[in-house]
């Protein structure tokens, strides 16, 4: 999820630099805001997943993931977490 948020921030920086002709110094002045958004949103999503105890382990492969055994958790946290980035 953090990669999606950082991709949006990178895309916004590209738009500001290319289309709006912002200087690199003007974009760099927002770096603290970019880092706050880039880390707080995924951290909040992680905390919500932990609070709901939605992490499932696969006994065969030994991998832990959200929604391995519970389709509702998969829909709510994985698919919902991806689609809210596009809205």
C-alpha atoms as a PDB file:
ATOM      1  CA  UNK A   1       0.000   0.000   0.000  1.00  0.00           C
ATOM      2  CA  UNK A   2       2.892   2.340   0.678  1.00  0.00           C
ATOM      3  CA  UNK A   3       4.085   1.877  -2.896  1.00  0.00           C
ATOM      4  CA  UNK A   4       0.707   3.079  -4.203  1.00  0.00           C
ATOM      5  CA  UNK A   5       0.813   6.185  -2.031  1.00  0.00           C
ATOM      6  CA  UNK A   6       4.402   6.960  -3.028  1.00  0.00           C
ATOM      7  CA  UNK A   7       3.522   6.468  -6.701  1.00  0.00           C
ATOM      8  CA  UNK A   8       0.756   9.065  -6.352  1.00  0.00           C
ATOM      9  CA  UNK A   9       3.182  11.466  -4.664  1.00  0.00           C
ATOM     10  CA  UNK A  10       5.758  10.910  -7.411  1.00  0.00           C
ATOM     11  CA  UNK A  11       3.116  11.488 -10.083  1.00  0.00           C
ATOM     12  CA  UNK A  12       1.997  14.680  -8.361  1.00  0.00           C
ATOM     13  CA  UNK A  13       5.602  15.888  -8.256  1.00  0.00           C
ATOM     14  CA  UNK A  14       5.984  15.178 -11.975  1.00  0.00           C
ATOM     15  CA  UNK A  15       2.797  17.096 -12.772  1.00  0.00           C
ATOM     16  CA  UNK A  16       3.900  20.038 -10.659  1.00  0.00           C
ATOM     17  CA  UNK A  17       7.310  20.089 -12.345  1.00  0.00           C
ATOM     18  CA  UNK A  18       6.201  19.498 -15.929  1.00  0.00           C
ATOM     19  CA  UNK A  19       2.725  20.974 -16.320  1.00  0.00           C
ATOM     20  CA  UNK A  20       2.739  23.690 -13.678  1.00  0.00           C
ATOM     21  CA  UNK A  21       6.428  24.602 -14.137  1.00  0.00           C
ATOM     22  CA  UNK A  22       7.244  24.452 -10.428  1.00  0.00           C
ATOM     23  CA  UNK A  23      10.920  24.635  -9.519  1.00  0.00           C
ATOM     24  CA  UNK A  24      12.617  21.797  -7.690  1.00  0.00           C
ATOM     25  CA  UNK A  25      12.997  24.062  -4.652  1.00  0.00           C
ATOM     26  CA  UNK A  26       9.244  24.711  -4.550  1.00  0.00           C
ATOM     27  CA  UNK A  27       8.508  20.992  -4.739  1.00  0.00           C
ATOM     28  CA  UNK A  28      11.192  20.244  -2.133  1.00  0.00           C
ATOM     29  CA  UNK A  29       9.520  22.674   0.262  1.00  0.00           C
ATOM     30  CA  UNK A  30       6.594  20.227   0.415  1.00  0.00           C
ATOM     31  CA  UNK A  31       8.794  17.201   1.118  1.00  0.00           C
ATOM     32  CA  UNK A  32       7.781  17.039   4.791  1.00  0.00           C
ATOM     33  CA  UNK A  33       4.120  16.915   3.758  1.00  0.00           C
ATOM     34  CA  UNK A  34       4.859  14.270   1.141  1.00  0.00           C
ATOM     35  CA  UNK A  35       6.668  12.123   3.705  1.00  0.00           C
ATOM     36  CA  UNK A  36       3.883  12.541   6.249  1.00  0.00           C
ATOM     37  CA  UNK A  37       1.251  11.434   3.742  1.00  0.00           C
ATOM     38  CA  UNK A  38       3.510   8.738   2.295  1.00  0.00           C
ATOM     39  CA  UNK A  39       4.039   7.046   5.644  1.00  0.00           C
ATOM     40  CA  UNK A  40       1.000   7.896   7.772  1.00  0.00           C
ATOM     41  CA  UNK A  41      -1.636   6.517   5.381  1.00  0.00           C
ATOM     42  CA  UNK A  42       0.045   3.073   5.061  1.00  0.00           C
ATOM     43  CA  UNK A  43       0.761   3.052   8.804  1.00  0.00           C
ATOM     44  CA  UNK A  44      -2.910   3.720   9.545  1.00  0.00           C
ATOM     45  CA  UNK A  45      -3.927   0.924   7.180  1.00  0.00           C
ATOM     46  CA  UNK A  46      -1.498  -1.445   8.901  1.00  0.00           C
ATOM     47  CA  UNK A  47      -2.839  -0.534  12.331  1.00  0.00           C
ATOM     48  CA  UNK A  48      -6.424  -1.143  11.180  1.00  0.00           C
ATOM     49  CA  UNK A  49      -5.464  -4.578   9.818  1.00  0.00           C
ATOM     50  CA  UNK A  50      -3.773  -5.453  13.114  1.00  0.00           C
ATOM     51  CA  UNK A  51      -6.731  -4.217  15.178  1.00  0.00           C
ATOM     52  CA  UNK A  52      -9.149  -6.349  13.145  1.00  0.00           C
ATOM     53  CA  UNK A  53      -6.743  -9.322  13.454  1.00  0.00           C
ATOM     54  CA  UNK A  54      -7.017  -9.803   9.696  1.00  0.00           C
ATOM     55  CA  UNK A  55      -3.596 -11.351   9.035  1.00  0.00           C
ATOM     56  CA  UNK A  56      -3.910 -14.980   7.974  1.00  0.00           C
ATOM     57  CA  UNK A  57      -1.171 -17.558   7.700  1.00  0.00           C
ATOM     58  CA  UNK A  58      -1.014 -20.218   5.015  1.00  0.00           C
ATOM     59  CA  UNK A  59      -0.031 -23.515   6.670  1.00  0.00           C
ATOM     60  CA  UNK A  60       1.438 -24.974   3.459  1.00  0.00           C
ATOM     61  CA  UNK A  61       3.648 -22.122   2.267  1.00  0.00           C
ATOM     62  CA  UNK A  62       4.132 -20.432   5.624  1.00  0.00           C
ATOM     63  CA  UNK A  63       3.286 -17.020   4.162  1.00  0.00           C
ATOM     64  CA  UNK A  64       1.265 -14.469   6.076  1.00  0.00           C
ATOM     65  CA  UNK A  65      -1.077 -12.168   4.173  1.00  0.00           C
ATOM     66  CA  UNK A  66      -4.334 -10.323   4.608  1.00  0.00           C
ATOM     67  CA  UNK A  67      -7.200 -12.378   3.237  1.00  0.00           C
ATOM     68  CA  UNK A  68      -5.619 -15.798   2.729  1.00  0.00           C
ATOM     69  CA  UNK A  69      -8.459 -17.570   4.484  1.00  0.00           C
ATOM     70  CA  UNK A  70     -11.062 -14.813   4.854  1.00  0.00           C
ATOM     71  CA  UNK A  71     -12.436 -13.376   1.616  1.00  0.00           C
ATOM     72  CA  UNK A  72     -14.147 -10.510   3.449  1.00  0.00           C
ATOM     73  CA  UNK A  73     -10.804  -9.313   4.806  1.00  0.00           C
ATOM     74  CA  UNK A  74      -9.348  -9.592   1.309  1.00  0.00           C
ATOM     75  CA  UNK A  75     -12.120  -7.434  -0.124  1.00  0.00           C
ATOM     76  CA  UNK A  76     -12.103  -4.903   2.684  1.00  0.00           C
ATOM     77  CA  UNK A  77      -8.392  -4.372   3.251  1.00  0.00           C
ATOM     78  CA  UNK A  78      -6.593  -5.340   0.053  1.00  0.00           C
ATOM     79  CA  UNK A  79      -9.056  -4.435  -2.689  1.00  0.00           C
ATOM     80  CA  UNK A  80     -10.556  -1.574  -0.711  1.00  0.00           C
ATOM     81  CA  UNK A  81      -7.112  -0.274   0.140  1.00  0.00           C
ATOM     82  CA  UNK A  82      -6.143  -0.245  -3.525  1.00  0.00           C
ATOM     83  CA  UNK A  83      -9.338   1.331  -4.831  1.00  0.00           C
ATOM     84  CA  UNK A  84      -9.317   4.221  -2.364  1.00  0.00           C
ATOM     85  CA  UNK A  85      -6.065   5.402  -3.968  1.00  0.00           C
ATOM     86  CA  UNK A  86      -7.854   5.821  -7.302  1.00  0.00           C
ATOM     87  CA  UNK A  87     -10.725   7.905  -5.950  1.00  0.00           C
END
